[in-house]
Amino acid sequence: MTKTIAVLACSAAMLAACNDTNDAAEDRLEQSAEASAVAAGPEEAALGLTEMQLLDAEIVDAGGVELADVASVGRDANGNVDRLLVEIEDSNPDRFVHIPISDLTPVQRGDDMDLSTTMTADQLAALPDVSIDQQRP
């Protein structure tokens, strides 16, 4: 019984440490993405939107259901926005994937400008995971 409690306590401690590490990586990613958007300013980044507008957008399906949150803007070697790093909605633990900018269309939803994709939630979930520890906007 004591061994079981000790194993459970160690498992809980390891899980908490892992969550703290993930939270710190997510915080660093968010700060870096926002700094990049501020530096880019009001210039159009892609799809007729600024980098800040891209960061504020939700990824929605054709029916308007939220699929993901934009975490950062990715650029090719020439500095052109070619992908977005997104956090899949309701993933636990948090999952991040890249979506090519060519697969997205801006859509006005109330006061918000979001990005529509033809991908389904299952197709989005099937994309390969991206480690946020190595991401730079």
Protein backbone atom coordinates (compact mmCIF):
# COMPACT_ATOMS: atom_id res chain seq x y z
CA MET A 1 0.00 0.00 0.00
CA THR A 2 2.79 2.43 0.89
CA LYS A 3 4.57 1.66 -2.41
CA THR A 4 1.38 2.40 -4.33
CA ILE A 5 0.96 5.75 -2.59
CA ALA A 6 4.61 6.60 -3.23
CA VAL A 7 4.28 5.73 -6.94
CA LEU A 8 1.11 7.80 -7.24
CA ALA A 9 2.76 10.76 -5.50
CA CYS A 10 5.79 10.58 -7.82
CA SER A 11 3.54 10.32 -10.86
CA ALA A 12 1.55 13.36 -9.76
CA ALA A 13 4.75 15.35 -9.17
CA MET A 14 6.12 14.42 -12.60
CA LEU A 15 2.83 15.37 -14.26
CA ALA A 16 2.78 18.73 -12.48
CA ALA A 17 6.37 19.43 -13.54
CA CYS A 18 5.52 18.50 -17.13
CA ASN A 19 2.49 20.82 -17.09
CA ASP A 20 4.63 23.65 -15.68
CA THR A 21 7.15 23.12 -18.49
CA ASN A 22 4.41 23.12 -21.13
CA ASP A 23 2.82 26.25 -19.63
CA ALA A 24 6.18 28.04 -19.65
CA ALA A 25 6.78 27.06 -23.30
CA GLU A 26 3.30 28.27 -24.24
CA ASP A 27 3.90 31.57 -22.41
CA ARG A 28 7.22 32.07 -24.24
CA LEU A 29 5.56 31.29 -27.58
CA GLU A 30 2.73 33.75 -26.92
CA GLN A 31 5.14 36.53 -25.88
CA SER A 32 7.34 35.93 -28.91
CA ALA A 33 4.36 35.87 -31.31
CA GLU A 34 2.94 39.10 -29.87
CA ALA A 35 6.33 40.83 -30.04
CA SER A 36 6.66 39.79 -33.68
CA ALA A 37 3.16 41.12 -34.45
CA VAL A 38 3.91 44.45 -32.76
CA ALA A 39 7.16 44.74 -34.71
CA ALA A 40 5.37 43.94 -37.98
CA GLY A 41 2.90 46.75 -37.30
CA PRO A 42 -0.04 47.60 -39.53
CA GLU A 43 1.47 46.07 -42.67
CA GLU A 44 -0.53 43.27 -44.31
CA ALA A 45 1.01 39.90 -43.45
CA ALA A 46 -1.31 37.55 -45.37
CA LEU A 47 -4.91 37.15 -46.51
CA GLY A 48 -5.45 40.90 -46.25
CA LEU A 49 -4.76 40.79 -42.50
CA THR A 50 -1.99 42.09 -40.27
CA GLU A 51 0.08 39.70 -38.20
CA MET A 52 -1.84 40.81 -35.06
CA GLN A 53 -5.17 40.12 -36.79
CA LEU A 54 -3.93 36.65 -37.75
CA LEU A 55 -2.94 35.99 -34.12
CA ASP A 56 -6.37 37.13 -32.90
CA ALA A 57 -8.23 34.89 -35.36
CA GLU A 58 -9.88 31.57 -34.61
CA ILE A 59 -9.70 28.72 -37.11
CA VAL A 60 -13.27 27.70 -37.93
CA ASP A 61 -14.82 25.06 -40.14
CA ALA A 62 -17.32 25.77 -42.94
CA GLY A 63 -20.14 25.76 -40.36
CA GLY A 64 -18.39 28.29 -38.12
CA VAL A 65 -17.40 25.78 -35.43
CA GLU A 66 -14.12 26.74 -33.74
CA LEU A 67 -11.40 24.20 -34.42
CA ALA A 68 -8.21 25.93 -33.26
CA ASP A 69 -6.59 29.09 -31.93
CA VAL A 70 -3.75 30.76 -33.79
CA ALA A 71 -0.58 30.62 -31.68
CA SER A 72 1.98 32.11 -34.07
CA VAL A 73 2.64 33.13 -37.65
CA GLY A 74 5.19 31.15 -39.64
CA ARG A 75 7.24 32.60 -42.48
CA ASP A 76 9.24 31.07 -45.31
CA ALA A 77 12.88 31.91 -46.10
CA ASN A 78 11.76 35.03 -47.99
CA GLY A 79 9.76 36.36 -45.02
CA ASN A 80 6.36 35.56 -46.53
CA VAL A 81 3.69 34.11 -44.24
CA ASP A 82 3.20 30.52 -45.38
CA ARG A 83 1.72 28.80 -42.33
CA LEU A 84 0.11 29.30 -38.95
CA LEU A 85 0.92 27.39 -35.81
CA VAL A 86 -2.41 26.60 -34.18
CA GLU A 87 -3.51 25.03 -30.91
CA ILE A 88 -6.23 22.46 -31.53
CA GLU A 89 -9.40 23.32 -29.64
CA ASP A 90 -10.08 21.23 -26.51
CA SER A 91 -6.94 19.12 -26.90
CA ASN A 92 -5.56 17.74 -23.65
CA PRO A 93 -2.67 17.96 -23.39
CA ASP A 94 -2.49 20.97 -25.70
CA ARG A 95 -1.61 20.01 -29.27
CA PHE A 96 -0.07 22.31 -31.83
CA VAL A 97 -0.01 21.80 -35.61
CA HIS A 98 0.85 23.86 -38.69
CA ILE A 99 -1.84 24.87 -41.18
CA PRO A 100 -0.72 26.21 -44.57
CA ILE A 101 -1.97 29.76 -45.09
CA SER A 102 -3.17 28.67 -48.55
CA ASP A 103 -5.81 26.47 -46.85
CA LEU A 104 -7.45 29.43 -45.08
CA THR A 105 -9.97 32.12 -45.99
CA PRO A 106 -10.80 35.19 -43.88
CA VAL A 107 -14.39 35.29 -42.64
CA GLN A 108 -16.13 38.04 -40.65
CA ARG A 109 -18.05 36.70 -37.62
CA GLY A 110 -19.71 39.54 -35.78
CA ASP A 111 -16.91 41.89 -34.69
CA ASP A 112 -14.29 39.16 -35.16
CA MET A 113 -12.24 38.29 -38.21
CA ASP A 114 -11.61 34.56 -38.23
CA LEU A 115 -10.08 32.11 -40.68
CA SER A 116 -12.17 29.42 -42.31
CA THR A 117 -10.79 26.09 -43.43
CA THR A 118 -12.33 23.25 -45.40
CA MET A 119 -10.60 20.82 -43.03
CA THR A 120 -12.68 18.91 -40.52
CA ALA A 121 -11.78 18.56 -36.84
CA ASP A 122 -10.60 14.99 -37.56
CA GLN A 123 -8.38 16.13 -40.44
CA LEU A 124 -6.89 18.87 -38.29
CA ALA A 125 -6.27 16.38 -35.47
CA ALA A 126 -4.51 14.06 -37.93
CA LEU A 127 -1.84 16.67 -38.75
CA PRO A 128 1.58 16.03 -37.22
CA ASP A 129 2.31 17.55 -33.83
CA VAL A 130 4.66 20.52 -33.69
CA SER A 131 6.90 21.05 -30.67
CA ILE A 132 6.36 24.58 -29.40
CA ASP A 133 9.75 24.58 -27.68
CA GLN A 134 11.41 25.03 -31.07
CA GLN A 135 8.99 27.56 -32.57
CA ARG A 136 9.84 31.12 -33.49
CA PRO A 137 7.39 33.41 -35.27
